[in-house]
């Protein structure tokens, strides 16, 4: 595993066969293997005023899902509240693409993650391991 960190924000571990690309508003992680299926994109936000983490995480997912024509398969729900991070998750289909979205927050800092893939594969296991490794720094 390799580590990726944005100073003052978060750190995560990602598989050796993954690479990343940094843009102004987000960072993307993707597999370099020949059968790669999707891309994980992470955006960073800071709240103007602190909110309850559970509310902030769910609100972010509901706002996102309401803005796009997504056929929701898994409704937004909080999946983890450990340490100083609350995680919410939802999934669906948009334009025949599988879409998984997560919102991770401590009430002030928020990470919004999207994973889009042509089809559901075991690559999602690697993506979930990356998300599970996220910690605030």
Protein backbone atom coordinates (compact mmCIF):
# COMPACT_ATOMS: atom_id res chain seq x y z
CA UNK A 1 0.00 0.00 0.00
CA UNK A 2 1.05 3.58 -0.64
CA UNK A 3 -0.03 6.66 1.32
CA UNK A 4 -1.60 9.86 0.05
CA UNK A 5 -2.02 12.95 2.22
CA UNK A 6 -3.26 16.49 1.91
CA UNK A 7 -1.62 18.44 4.74
CA UNK A 8 -4.09 19.62 7.33
CA UNK A 9 -6.92 17.53 5.88
CA UNK A 10 -6.71 13.78 5.46
CA UNK A 11 -4.56 10.75 4.76
CA UNK A 12 -5.41 7.47 3.06
CA UNK A 13 -3.72 4.30 1.85
CA UNK A 14 -4.14 3.03 -1.68
CA UNK A 15 -3.00 -0.11 -3.56
CA UNK A 16 0.37 -0.24 -5.31
CA UNK A 17 -1.31 -0.64 -8.72
CA UNK A 18 -3.28 2.61 -8.35
CA UNK A 19 -2.27 6.08 -9.43
CA UNK A 20 -3.79 9.46 -8.67
CA UNK A 21 -4.31 12.73 -10.46
CA UNK A 22 -4.74 16.04 -8.63
CA UNK A 23 -6.98 18.74 -10.04
CA UNK A 24 -7.85 22.11 -8.53
CA UNK A 25 -11.06 20.90 -6.85
CA UNK A 26 -10.52 17.15 -6.44
CA UNK A 27 -8.15 14.20 -6.59
CA UNK A 28 -8.89 11.04 -8.61
CA UNK A 29 -7.61 7.53 -7.91
CA UNK A 30 -7.69 4.78 -10.54
CA UNK A 31 -6.25 1.33 -11.13
CA UNK A 32 -3.53 0.89 -13.75
CA UNK A 33 -4.44 -2.76 -14.34
CA UNK A 34 -5.78 -3.77 -17.76
CA UNK A 35 -9.21 -4.70 -16.37
CA UNK A 36 -9.67 -1.43 -14.45
CA UNK A 37 -13.31 -0.36 -14.29
CA UNK A 38 -13.74 2.93 -12.47
CA UNK A 39 -12.41 6.04 -10.83
CA UNK A 40 -12.67 7.29 -7.25
CA UNK A 41 -12.89 11.06 -7.01
CA UNK A 42 -12.45 12.93 -3.71
CA UNK A 43 -13.56 16.53 -3.18
CA UNK A 44 -12.83 18.54 -0.04
CA UNK A 45 -15.11 21.08 1.62
CA UNK A 46 -14.99 23.13 4.79
CA UNK A 47 -18.23 24.23 6.47
CA UNK A 48 -18.75 27.90 7.25
CA UNK A 49 -20.11 26.83 10.61
CA UNK A 50 -19.95 23.46 12.35
CA UNK A 51 -22.88 21.07 12.00
CA UNK A 52 -23.81 17.78 13.61
CA UNK A 53 -21.71 15.26 11.63
CA UNK A 54 -24.64 12.88 11.02
CA UNK A 55 -26.78 15.70 9.62
CA UNK A 56 -23.96 17.11 7.48
CA UNK A 57 -23.08 13.71 5.98
CA UNK A 58 -26.67 12.86 5.03
CA UNK A 59 -27.45 16.36 3.78
CA UNK A 60 -24.50 16.27 1.39
CA UNK A 61 -25.59 12.95 -0.14
CA UNK A 62 -29.24 13.99 -0.43
CA UNK A 63 -28.26 17.27 -2.10
CA UNK A 64 -26.04 15.45 -4.61
CA UNK A 65 -28.63 12.79 -5.43
CA UNK A 66 -31.28 15.48 -5.89
CA UNK A 67 -29.20 17.38 -8.45
CA UNK A 68 -28.70 14.55 -10.95
CA UNK A 69 -30.96 11.99 -12.67
CA UNK A 70 -29.74 9.08 -10.56
CA UNK A 71 -31.76 5.89 -10.17
CA UNK A 72 -31.04 5.39 -6.45
CA UNK A 73 -30.50 1.74 -5.48
CA UNK A 74 -29.24 2.29 -1.91
CA UNK A 75 -30.75 5.30 -0.14
CA UNK A 76 -28.43 7.58 1.86
CA UNK A 77 -27.68 6.24 5.31
CA UNK A 78 -24.99 6.63 7.95
CA UNK A 79 -22.73 3.58 7.81
CA UNK A 80 -20.12 4.46 10.42
CA UNK A 81 -19.72 6.83 13.35
CA UNK A 82 -16.34 6.11 14.87
CA UNK A 83 -13.70 8.34 16.30
CA UNK A 84 -14.17 11.83 14.96
CA UNK A 85 -15.57 10.81 11.57
CA UNK A 86 -19.11 10.09 10.40
CA UNK A 87 -19.55 8.23 7.10
CA UNK A 88 -22.72 8.13 5.01
CA UNK A 89 -23.21 6.10 1.80
CA UNK A 90 -25.60 5.82 -1.15
CA UNK A 91 -25.49 4.23 -4.59
CA UNK A 92 -27.37 4.16 -7.85
CA UNK A 93 -27.24 4.13 -11.64
CA UNK A 94 -26.70 7.16 -13.87
CA UNK A 95 -26.43 6.85 -17.67
CA UNK A 96 -25.84 3.08 -17.33
CA UNK A 97 -22.88 3.71 -15.01
CA UNK A 98 -22.69 2.38 -11.45
CA UNK A 99 -22.29 5.19 -8.95
CA UNK A 100 -21.30 4.93 -5.30
CA UNK A 101 -21.10 8.07 -3.16
CA UNK A 102 -19.79 8.66 0.34
CA UNK A 103 -19.73 11.67 2.60
CA UNK A 104 -17.20 11.71 5.45
CA UNK A 105 -17.26 14.54 7.96
CA UNK A 106 -16.36 15.69 11.44
CA UNK A 107 -18.97 18.45 11.24
CA UNK A 108 -16.52 21.06 9.92
CA UNK A 109 -14.39 19.25 7.34
CA UNK A 110 -16.17 17.18 4.71
CA UNK A 111 -14.89 14.76 2.09
CA UNK A 112 -17.25 13.89 -0.75
CA UNK A 113 -16.28 10.76 -2.65
CA UNK A 114 -17.73 9.34 -5.86
CA UNK A 115 -16.82 6.05 -7.48
CA UNK A 116 -18.11 5.57 -11.03
CA UNK A 117 -17.63 2.31 -12.93
CA UNK A 118 -18.90 0.67 -16.10
CA UNK A 119 -19.93 -2.38 -14.13
CA UNK A 120 -19.78 -3.72 -10.61
CA UNK A 121 -16.52 -5.62 -10.09
CA UNK A 122 -14.26 -6.65 -7.22
CA UNK A 123 -12.47 -3.31 -7.71
CA UNK A 124 -15.04 -1.84 -5.33
CA UNK A 125 -13.47 -3.90 -2.52
CA UNK A 126 -10.22 -1.98 -3.07
CA UNK A 127 -12.12 1.32 -3.16
CA UNK A 128 -13.88 0.53 0.11
CA UNK A 129 -10.54 -0.40 1.73
CA UNK A 130 -9.16 2.98 0.65
CA UNK A 131 -12.17 4.77 2.15
CA UNK A 132 -11.88 2.77 5.37
CA UNK A 133 -8.25 3.92 5.68
CA UNK A 134 -9.12 7.65 5.62
CA UNK A 135 -8.21 9.62 8.72
CA UNK A 136 -8.05 13.31 9.50
CA UNK A 137 -4.59 14.83 9.97
